[in-house]
C-alpha atoms as a PDB file:
ATOM      1  CA  UNK A   1     -78.042  42.865  72.153  1.00  0.00           C
ATOM      2  CA  UNK A   2     -77.145  46.304  73.497  1.00  0.00           C
ATOM      3  CA  UNK A   3     -74.759  47.915  75.976  1.00  0.00           C
ATOM      4  CA  UNK A   4     -76.435  49.339  79.092  1.00  0.00           C
ATOM      5  CA  UNK A   5     -74.442  51.651  81.383  1.00  0.00           C
ATOM      6  CA  UNK A   6     -75.540  52.615  84.890  1.00  0.00           C
ATOM      7  CA  UNK A   7     -75.359  56.355  85.580  1.00  0.00           C
ATOM      8  CA  UNK A   8     -77.491  56.613  88.710  1.00  0.00           C
ATOM      9  CA  UNK A   9     -78.839  59.830  87.241  1.00  0.00           C
ATOM     10  CA  UNK A  10     -82.263  59.555  88.897  1.00  0.00           C
ATOM     11  CA  UNK A  11     -80.555  59.630  92.274  1.00  0.00           C
ATOM     12  CA  UNK A  12     -82.739  56.947  93.850  1.00  0.00           C
ATOM     13  CA  UNK A  13     -80.616  53.804  93.262  1.00  0.00           C
ATOM     14  CA  UNK A  14     -83.556  51.977  91.633  1.00  0.00           C
ATOM     15  CA  UNK A  15     -82.415  49.412  89.039  1.00  0.00           C
ATOM     16  CA  UNK A  16     -85.798  49.564  87.322  1.00  0.00           C
ATOM     17  CA  UNK A  17     -85.899  53.359  86.961  1.00  0.00           C
ATOM     18  CA  UNK A  18     -85.029  54.273  83.354  1.00  0.00           C
ATOM     19  CA  UNK A  19     -83.529  57.533  84.619  1.00  0.00           C
ATOM     20  CA  UNK A  20     -80.623  55.597  86.106  1.00  0.00           C
ATOM     21  CA  UNK A  21     -79.470  54.172  82.763  1.00  0.00           C
ATOM     22  CA  UNK A  22     -77.623  55.836  79.918  1.00  0.00           C
ATOM     23  CA  UNK A  23     -80.089  56.105  77.038  1.00  0.00           C
ATOM     24  CA  UNK A  24     -83.074  55.689  79.377  1.00  0.00           C
ATOM     25  CA  UNK A  25     -83.506  51.913  78.935  1.00  0.00           C
ATOM     26  CA  UNK A  26     -83.408  49.302  81.713  1.00  0.00           C
ATOM     27  CA  UNK A  27     -81.330  46.207  80.749  1.00  0.00           C
ATOM     28  CA  UNK A  28     -83.242  43.461  79.007  1.00  0.00           C
ATOM     29  CA  UNK A  29     -82.590  40.101  77.403  1.00  0.00           C
ATOM     30  CA  UNK A  30     -79.165  39.792  75.715  1.00  0.00           C
ATOM     31  CA  UNK A  31     -77.705  43.053  77.022  1.00  0.00           C
ATOM     32  CA  UNK A  32     -74.199  43.713  78.328  1.00  0.00           C
ATOM     33  CA  UNK A  33     -74.526  45.685  81.569  1.00  0.00           C
ATOM     34  CA  UNK A  34     -71.753  47.932  82.916  1.00  0.00           C
ATOM     35  CA  UNK A  35     -71.203  49.665  86.242  1.00  0.00           C
ATOM     36  CA  UNK A  36     -68.106  51.903  86.204  1.00  0.00           C
ATOM     37  CA  UNK A  37     -66.820  55.345  87.211  1.00  0.00           C
ATOM     38  CA  UNK A  38     -69.714  56.945  85.323  1.00  0.00           C
ATOM     39  CA  UNK A  39     -72.130  55.609  87.935  1.00  0.00           C
ATOM     40  CA  UNK A  40     -73.109  57.758  90.906  1.00  0.00           C
ATOM     41  CA  UNK A  41     -71.876  56.313  94.202  1.00  0.00           C
ATOM     42  CA  UNK A  42     -75.305  55.448  95.582  1.00  0.00           C
ATOM     43  CA  UNK A  43     -75.407  53.683  98.936  1.00  0.00           C
ATOM     44  CA  UNK A  44     -77.109  50.770  97.177  1.00  0.00           C
ATOM     45  CA  UNK A  45     -78.589  49.885  93.814  1.00  0.00           C
ATOM     46  CA  UNK A  46     -81.911  48.369  94.860  1.00  0.00           C
ATOM     47  CA  UNK A  47     -85.130  46.858  93.451  1.00  0.00           C
ATOM     48  CA  UNK A  48     -83.252  44.132  91.560  1.00  0.00           C
ATOM     49  CA  UNK A  49     -86.143  41.778  90.736  1.00  0.00           C
ATOM     50  CA  UNK A  50     -88.589  41.365  87.860  1.00  0.00           C
ATOM     51  CA  UNK A  51     -86.255  39.990  85.178  1.00  0.00           C
ATOM     52  CA  UNK A  52     -86.215  36.199  85.594  1.00  0.00           C
ATOM     53  CA  UNK A  53     -86.820  35.616  81.872  1.00  0.00           C
ATOM     54  CA  UNK A  54     -83.913  37.798  80.714  1.00  0.00           C
ATOM     55  CA  UNK A  55     -80.256  36.863  80.216  1.00  0.00           C
ATOM     56  CA  UNK A  56     -77.449  39.430  80.560  1.00  0.00           C
ATOM     57  CA  UNK A  57     -73.699  39.760  81.049  1.00  0.00           C
ATOM     58  CA  UNK A  58     -72.699  41.876  84.048  1.00  0.00           C
ATOM     59  CA  UNK A  59     -69.447  43.835  84.421  1.00  0.00           C
ATOM     60  CA  UNK A  60     -68.677  45.924  87.524  1.00  0.00           C
ATOM     61  CA  UNK A  61     -65.335  47.761  87.378  1.00  0.00           C
ATOM     62  CA  UNK A  62     -63.212  49.091  90.238  1.00  0.00           C
ATOM     63  CA  UNK A  63     -64.318  52.607  89.363  1.00  0.00           C
ATOM     64  CA  UNK A  64     -67.858  51.902  90.584  1.00  0.00           C
ATOM     65  CA  UNK A  65     -68.053  52.802  94.273  1.00  0.00           C
ATOM     66  CA  UNK A  66     -71.641  51.847  95.038  1.00  0.00           C
ATOM     67  CA  UNK A  67     -73.245  48.588  96.155  1.00  0.00           C
ATOM     68  CA  UNK A  68     -75.584  46.374  94.173  1.00  0.00           C
ATOM     69  CA  UNK A  69     -78.249  45.057  96.523  1.00  0.00           C
ATOM     70  CA  UNK A  70     -78.531  45.285 100.271  1.00  0.00           C
ATOM     71  CA  UNK A  71     -78.946  42.956 103.227  1.00  0.00           C
ATOM     72  CA  UNK A  72     -82.478  41.604 103.514  1.00  0.00           C
ATOM     73  CA  UNK A  73     -83.256  42.191  99.830  1.00  0.00           C
ATOM     74  CA  UNK A  74     -83.442  39.585  97.062  1.00  0.00           C
ATOM     75  CA  UNK A  75     -80.455  39.431  94.734  1.00  0.00           C
ATOM     76  CA  UNK A  76     -80.347  40.370  91.060  1.00  0.00           C
ATOM     77  CA  UNK A  77     -82.641  37.878  89.332  1.00  0.00           C
ATOM     78  CA  UNK A  78     -81.502  37.961  85.702  1.00  0.00           C
ATOM     79  CA  UNK A  79     -80.001  34.844  84.182  1.00  0.00           C
ATOM     80  CA  UNK A  80     -76.343  35.906  83.995  1.00  0.00           C
ATOM     81  CA  UNK A  81     -73.995  34.254  81.527  1.00  0.00           C
ATOM     82  CA  UNK A  82     -70.795  36.010  82.642  1.00  0.00           C
ATOM     83  CA  UNK A  83     -70.329  38.230  85.694  1.00  0.00           C
ATOM     84  CA  UNK A  84     -67.078  40.028  86.526  1.00  0.00           C
ATOM     85  CA  UNK A  85     -67.236  41.914  89.808  1.00  0.00           C
ATOM     86  CA  UNK A  86     -64.366  44.250  90.711  1.00  0.00           C
ATOM     87  CA  UNK A  87     -66.267  47.173  92.241  1.00  0.00           C
ATOM     88  CA  UNK A  88     -65.153  49.326  95.161  1.00  0.00           C
ATOM     89  CA  UNK A  89     -68.364  49.047  97.181  1.00  0.00           C
ATOM     90  CA  UNK A  90     -68.910  46.662 100.099  1.00  0.00           C
ATOM     91  CA  UNK A  91     -71.727  44.409  98.846  1.00  0.00           C
ATOM     92  CA  UNK A  92     -72.796  42.822  95.548  1.00  0.00           C
ATOM     93  CA  UNK A  93     -75.779  40.507  95.691  1.00  0.00           C
ATOM     94  CA  UNK A  94     -76.562  38.139  92.842  1.00  0.00           C
ATOM     95  CA  UNK A  95     -79.431  35.705  92.501  1.00  0.00           C
ATOM     96  CA  UNK A  96     -80.544  33.229  89.858  1.00  0.00           C
ATOM     97  CA  UNK A  97     -78.278  31.384  87.452  1.00  0.00           C
ATOM     98  CA  UNK A  98     -74.765  32.545  86.630  1.00  0.00           C
ATOM     99  CA  UNK A  99     -72.619  30.492  84.267  1.00  0.00           C
ATOM    100  CA  UNK A 100     -69.284  32.116  85.145  1.00  0.00           C
ATOM    101  CA  UNK A 101     -68.608  34.524  88.021  1.00  0.00           C
ATOM    102  CA  UNK A 102     -65.236  36.208  88.530  1.00  0.00           C
ATOM    103  CA  UNK A 103     -64.739  38.092  91.792  1.00  0.00           C
ATOM    104  CA  UNK A 104     -61.948  40.646  92.126  1.00  0.00           C
ATOM    105  CA  UNK A 105     -62.973  43.068  94.857  1.00  0.00           C
ATOM    106  CA  UNK A 106     -61.349  44.668  97.913  1.00  0.00           C
ATOM    107  CA  UNK A 107     -60.678  42.918 101.233  1.00  0.00           C
ATOM    108  CA  UNK A 108     -63.765  44.409 102.853  1.00  0.00           C
ATOM    109  CA  UNK A 109     -66.117  43.624  99.972  1.00  0.00           C
ATOM    110  CA  UNK A 110     -68.368  40.558  99.713  1.00  0.00           C
ATOM    111  CA  UNK A 111     -70.128  39.171  96.665  1.00  0.00           C
ATOM    112  CA  UNK A 112     -73.220  37.158  97.618  1.00  0.00           C
ATOM    113  CA  UNK A 113     -74.832  34.403  95.544  1.00  0.00           C
ATOM    114  CA  UNK A 114     -78.320  33.930  96.908  1.00  0.00           C
ATOM    115  CA  UNK A 115     -79.966  31.569  94.414  1.00  0.00           C
ATOM    116  CA  UNK A 116     -79.451  29.624  91.206  1.00  0.00           C
ATOM    117  CA  UNK A 117     -76.545  27.507  89.970  1.00  0.00           C
ATOM    118  CA  UNK A 118     -73.070  28.944  89.415  1.00  0.00           C
ATOM    119  CA  UNK A 119     -71.118  26.629  87.142  1.00  0.00           C
ATOM    120  CA  UNK A 120     -67.752  28.339  87.788  1.00  0.00           C
ATOM    121  CA  UNK A 121     -66.788  30.843  90.494  1.00  0.00           C
ATOM    122  CA  UNK A 122     -63.254  32.255  90.464  1.00  0.00           C
ATOM    123  CA  UNK A 123     -62.191  34.516  93.344  1.00  0.00           C
ATOM    124  CA  UNK A 124     -59.024  36.591  92.848  1.00  0.00           C
ATOM    125  CA  UNK A 125     -59.508  38.912  95.839  1.00  0.00           C
ATOM    126  CA  UNK A 126     -62.134  39.900  98.387  1.00  0.00           C
ATOM    127  CA  UNK A 127     -64.863  37.696  99.859  1.00  0.00           C
ATOM    128  CA  UNK A 128     -67.532  35.422  98.390  1.00  0.00           C
ATOM    129  CA  UNK A 129     -70.572  33.931 100.164  1.00  0.00           C
ATOM    130  CA  UNK A 130     -73.028  31.433  98.673  1.00  0.00           C
ATOM    131  CA  UNK A 131     -76.240  31.210 100.664  1.00  0.00           C
ATOM    132  CA  UNK A 132     -78.973  29.518  98.613  1.00  0.00           C
ATOM    133  CA  UNK A 133     -76.952  29.207  95.407  1.00  0.00           C
ATOM    134  CA  UNK A 134     -75.244  26.040  94.181  1.00  0.00           C
ATOM    135  CA  UNK A 135     -71.596  26.347  93.130  1.00  0.00           C
ATOM    136  CA  UNK A 136     -70.336  23.563  90.870  1.00  0.00           C
ATOM    137  CA  UNK A 137     -66.668  24.559  90.514  1.00  0.00           C
ATOM    138  CA  UNK A 138     -64.898  26.967  92.883  1.00  0.00           C
ATOM    139  CA  UNK A 139     -61.389  28.324  92.277  1.00  0.00           C
ATOM    140  CA  UNK A 140     -60.025  30.544  95.032  1.00  0.00           C
ATOM    141  CA  UNK A 141     -56.844  32.153  93.696  1.00  0.00           C
ATOM    142  CA  UNK A 142     -56.399  35.062  96.100  1.00  0.00           C
ATOM    143  CA  UNK A 143     -59.634  35.552  98.027  1.00  0.00           C
ATOM    144  CA  UNK A 144     -59.634  36.234 101.761  1.00  0.00           C
ATOM    145  CA  UNK A 145     -62.772  34.440 102.959  1.00  0.00           C
ATOM    146  CA  UNK A 146     -65.108  32.133 101.057  1.00  0.00           C
ATOM    147  CA  UNK A 147     -68.265  30.852 102.749  1.00  0.00           C
ATOM    148  CA  UNK A 148     -70.497  28.131 101.310  1.00  0.00           C
ATOM    149  CA  UNK A 149     -73.545  27.836 103.513  1.00  0.00           C
ATOM    150  CA  UNK A 150     -75.818  24.804 103.685  1.00  0.00           C
ATOM    151  CA  UNK A 151     -78.520  26.186 101.371  1.00  0.00           C
ATOM    152  CA  UNK A 152     -76.999  24.958  98.087  1.00  0.00           C
ATOM    153  CA  UNK A 153     -76.273  21.523  96.645  1.00  0.00           C
ATOM    154  CA  UNK A 154     -72.962  19.679  96.739  1.00  0.00           C
ATOM    155  CA  UNK A 155     -70.182  20.873  94.445  1.00  0.00           C
ATOM    156  CA  UNK A 156     -67.864  19.069  92.050  1.00  0.00           C
ATOM    157  CA  UNK A 157     -64.408  20.662  92.497  1.00  0.00           C
ATOM    158  CA  UNK A 158     -63.072  23.065  95.132  1.00  0.00           C
ATOM    159  CA  UNK A 159     -59.534  24.362  94.591  1.00  0.00           C
ATOM    160  CA  UNK A 160     -58.046  26.964  96.914  1.00  0.00           C
ATOM    161  CA  UNK A 161     -54.621  28.583  97.121  1.00  0.00           C
ATOM    162  CA  UNK A 162     -55.388  31.421  99.527  1.00  0.00           C
ATOM    163  CA  UNK A 163     -57.281  32.448 102.633  1.00  0.00           C
ATOM    164  CA  UNK A 164     -60.017  30.405 104.286  1.00  0.00           C
ATOM    165  CA  UNK A 165     -62.860  28.480 102.663  1.00  0.00           C
ATOM    166  CA  UNK A 166     -65.665  27.506 105.036  1.00  0.00           C
ATOM    167  CA  UNK A 167     -68.029  24.922 103.599  1.00  0.00           C
ATOM    168  CA  UNK A 168     -71.157  23.288 104.984  1.00  0.00           C
ATOM    169  CA  UNK A 169     -71.535  21.469 101.652  1.00  0.00           C
ATOM    170  CA  UNK A 170     -69.984  18.301 100.326  1.00  0.00           C
ATOM    171  CA  UNK A 171     -67.528  18.291  97.416  1.00  0.00           C
ATOM    172  CA  UNK A 172     -66.406  15.517  95.118  1.00  0.00           C
ATOM    173  CA  UNK A 173     -62.819  16.802  94.941  1.00  0.00           C
ATOM    174  CA  UNK A 174     -61.003  19.246  97.230  1.00  0.00           C
ATOM    175  CA  UNK A 175     -57.549  20.611  96.362  1.00  0.00           C
ATOM    176  CA  UNK A 176     -55.820  22.667  99.069  1.00  0.00           C
ATOM    177  CA  UNK A 177     -52.604  24.439  98.130  1.00  0.00           C
ATOM    178  CA  UNK A 178     -49.952  26.242 100.156  1.00  0.00           C
ATOM    179  CA  UNK A 179     -51.202  28.828 102.630  1.00  0.00           C
ATOM    180  CA  UNK A 180     -54.880  27.910 102.229  1.00  0.00           C
ATOM    181  CA  UNK A 181     -57.319  26.396 104.729  1.00  0.00           C
ATOM    182  CA  UNK A 182     -60.604  24.574 104.173  1.00  0.00           C
ATOM    183  CA  UNK A 183     -62.924  24.277 107.181  1.00  0.00           C
ATOM    184  CA  UNK A 184     -65.851  21.906 106.888  1.00  0.00           C
ATOM    185  CA  UNK A 185     -68.991  21.965 109.016  1.00  0.00           C
ATOM    186  CA  UNK A 186     -72.363  20.256 109.410  1.00  0.00           C
ATOM    187  CA  UNK A 187     -72.222  16.936 107.474  1.00  0.00           C
ATOM    188  CA  UNK A 188     -69.949  18.159 104.663  1.00  0.00           C
ATOM    189  CA  UNK A 189     -68.001  15.312 103.048  1.00  0.00           C
ATOM    190  CA  UNK A 190     -65.307  14.820 100.441  1.00  0.00           C
ATOM    191  CA  UNK A 191     -66.697  12.043  98.276  1.00  0.00           C
ATOM    192  CA  UNK A 192     -63.936  11.335  95.711  1.00  0.00           C
ATOM    193  CA  UNK A 193     -60.519  12.889  96.496  1.00  0.00           C
ATOM    194  CA  UNK A 194     -58.879  15.306  98.945  1.00  0.00           C
ATOM    195  CA  UNK A 195     -55.394  16.645  98.123  1.00  0.00           C
ATOM    196  CA  UNK A 196     -53.632  18.588 100.881  1.00  0.00           C
ATOM    197  CA  UNK A 197     -50.405  20.127  99.592  1.00  0.00           C
ATOM    198  CA  UNK A 198     -47.495  21.785 101.419  1.00  0.00           C
ATOM    199  CA  UNK A 199     -48.793  24.621 103.596  1.00  0.00           C
ATOM    200  CA  UNK A 200     -52.422  23.593 103.076  1.00  0.00           C
ATOM    201  CA  UNK A 201     -54.804  22.615 105.892  1.00  0.00           C
ATOM    202  CA  UNK A 202     -58.038  20.632 105.925  1.00  0.00           C
ATOM    203  CA  UNK A 203     -59.756  21.382 109.221  1.00  0.00           C
ATOM    204  CA  UNK A 204     -62.553  18.830 109.294  1.00  0.00           C
ATOM    205  CA  UNK A 205     -65.269  20.092 111.630  1.00  0.00           C
ATOM    206  CA  UNK A 206     -68.045  17.914 110.185  1.00  0.00           C
ATOM    207  CA  UNK A 207     -69.349  14.354 110.525  1.00  0.00           C
ATOM    208  CA  UNK A 208     -69.008  13.653 106.803  1.00  0.00           C
ATOM    209  CA  UNK A 209     -66.637  11.031 105.373  1.00  0.00           C
ATOM    210  CA  UNK A 210     -63.363  12.108 103.752  1.00  0.00           C
ATOM    211  CA  UNK A 211     -62.594   9.753 100.856  1.00  0.00           C
ATOM    212  CA  UNK A 212     -59.228   9.055  99.239  1.00  0.00           C
ATOM    213  CA  UNK A 213     -57.285  11.697 101.163  1.00  0.00           C
ATOM    214  CA  UNK A 214     -53.646  12.423 100.295  1.00  0.00           C
ATOM    215  CA  UNK A 215     -51.563  14.523 102.704  1.00  0.00           C
ATOM    216  CA  UNK A 216     -48.377  15.681 101.005  1.00  0.00           C
ATOM    217  CA  UNK A 217     -45.197  16.807 102.836  1.00  0.00           C
ATOM    218  CA  UNK A 218     -46.034  19.981 104.744  1.00  0.00           C
ATOM    219  CA  UNK A 219     -49.798  19.423 104.508  1.00  0.00           C
ATOM    220  CA  UNK A 220     -52.064  19.127 107.555  1.00  0.00           C
ATOM    221  CA  UNK A 221     -55.303  17.287 108.290  1.00  0.00           C
ATOM    222  CA  UNK A 222     -56.871  18.095 111.629  1.00  0.00           C
ATOM    223  CA  UNK A 223     -60.291  17.387 113.204  1.00  0.00           C
ATOM    224  CA  UNK A 224     -61.903  20.156 115.224  1.00  0.00           C
ATOM    225  CA  UNK A 225     -65.288  20.998 116.688  1.00  0.00           C
ATOM    226  CA  UNK A 226     -67.970  19.199 118.677  1.00  0.00           C
ATOM    227  CA  UNK A 227     -67.773  15.522 119.722  1.00  0.00           C
ATOM    228  CA  UNK A 228     -68.724  13.218 116.815  1.00  0.00           C
ATOM    229  CA  UNK A 229     -67.691  10.211 114.776  1.00  0.00           C
ATOM    230  CA  UNK A 230     -66.487  10.231 111.191  1.00  0.00           C
ATOM    231  CA  UNK A 231     -64.448   8.143 108.740  1.00  0.00           C
ATOM    232  CA  UNK A 232     -61.385   8.786 106.592  1.00  0.00           C
ATOM    233  CA  UNK A 233     -61.050   6.159 103.855  1.00  0.00           C
ATOM    234  CA  UNK A 234     -58.179   5.157 101.585  1.00  0.00           C
ATOM    235  CA  UNK A 235     -55.762   7.831 102.707  1.00  0.00           C
ATOM    236  CA  UNK A 236     -52.088   8.357 101.982  1.00  0.00           C
ATOM    237  CA  UNK A 237     -49.822  10.273 104.333  1.00  0.00           C
ATOM    238  CA  UNK A 238     -46.523  11.204 102.706  1.00  0.00           C
ATOM    239  CA  UNK A 239     -43.468  11.524 104.904  1.00  0.00           C
ATOM    240  CA  UNK A 240     -43.567  15.052 106.265  1.00  0.00           C
ATOM    241  CA  UNK A 241     -47.355  15.270 106.018  1.00  0.00           C
ATOM    242  CA  UNK A 242     -49.249  15.678 109.286  1.00  0.00           C
ATOM    243  CA  UNK A 243     -52.471  13.885 110.238  1.00  0.00           C
ATOM    244  CA  UNK A 244     -53.900  14.657 113.676  1.00  0.00           C
ATOM    245  CA  UNK A 245     -55.619  11.405 114.632  1.00  0.00           C
ATOM    246  CA  UNK A 246     -56.960  12.293 118.061  1.00  0.00           C
ATOM    247  CA  UNK A 247     -58.994  15.146 119.491  1.00  0.00           C
ATOM    248  CA  UNK A 248     -61.018  14.958 122.727  1.00  0.00           C
ATOM    249  CA  UNK A 249     -64.513  13.616 122.062  1.00  0.00           C
ATOM    250  CA  UNK A 250     -63.883  12.976 118.349  1.00  0.00           C
ATOM    251  CA  UNK A 251     -63.713   9.362 117.150  1.00  0.00           C
ATOM    252  CA  UNK A 252     -62.095   8.862 113.741  1.00  0.00           C
ATOM    253  CA  UNK A 253     -62.079   5.615 111.806  1.00  0.00           C
ATOM    254  CA  UNK A 254     -59.184   5.370 109.335  1.00  0.00           C
ATOM    255  CA  UNK A 255     -59.458   2.691 106.646  1.00  0.00           C
ATOM    256  CA  UNK A 256     -56.759   1.501 104.225  1.00  0.00           C
ATOM    257  CA  UNK A 257     -54.046   3.896 105.419  1.00  0.00           C
ATOM    258  CA  UNK A 258     -50.748   4.225 103.568  1.00  0.00           C
ATOM    259  CA  UNK A 259     -48.493   5.950 106.077  1.00  0.00           C
ATOM    260  CA  UNK A 260     -45.208   7.857 105.805  1.00  0.00           C
ATOM    261  CA  UNK A 261     -44.801   7.268 102.136  1.00  0.00           C
ATOM    262  CA  UNK A 262     -41.409   8.736 101.088  1.00  0.00           C
ATOM    263  CA  UNK A 263     -41.580  11.914  98.993  1.00  0.00           C
END
């Protein structure tokens, strides 16, 4: 295992050009890879493929002002054990498997996961979008916008305390804390438990079933979107919690309700 540091010295932004790496070696299996203030602020680090058999750790500090990847290009295809992204660019595009991804970027910056399975994604700031990648556990601590498009598989646990999470995927458990909103779409469902705490909102725009929903005082469940039918099963509405039961064109079936439970 070695430490590989991006310098951008070749001036072309090519990941696979040895001239862009301190020591003249492109990262390979087992390496720790760093992008920091020593890296030239290229518009984009490109040509990210050709490494599907290699495993690395990836660390991008705030001092790095460039992008990794660009729209229309495949994401970085190493197997990544740990990725911590805090760069000052606008775009970081990852593909393939990542065990743990921590996102701490600026408000205008998005980290993209284009493929593979991400066992844990933790967003402290900035934006995160999963296109073809599967996310098993998502923790949104302070992110602005999280988007989980329909390309990946269902997740296990989504917990959010900030901003907006838009999901076209189903989750086993959804926890929504104060000031956060989850917006579902397509046929996204909550299959095991939905907890909506004070200041949290579940805006259900999908046809999927919401199972075992609990709306705490100050929490809000509201249906939005196109006309459709869906079901909410085994739900508890605490006194002071708000459940919007009617929207034009939307038919909701509530089963086993426990209403206005005292706090």
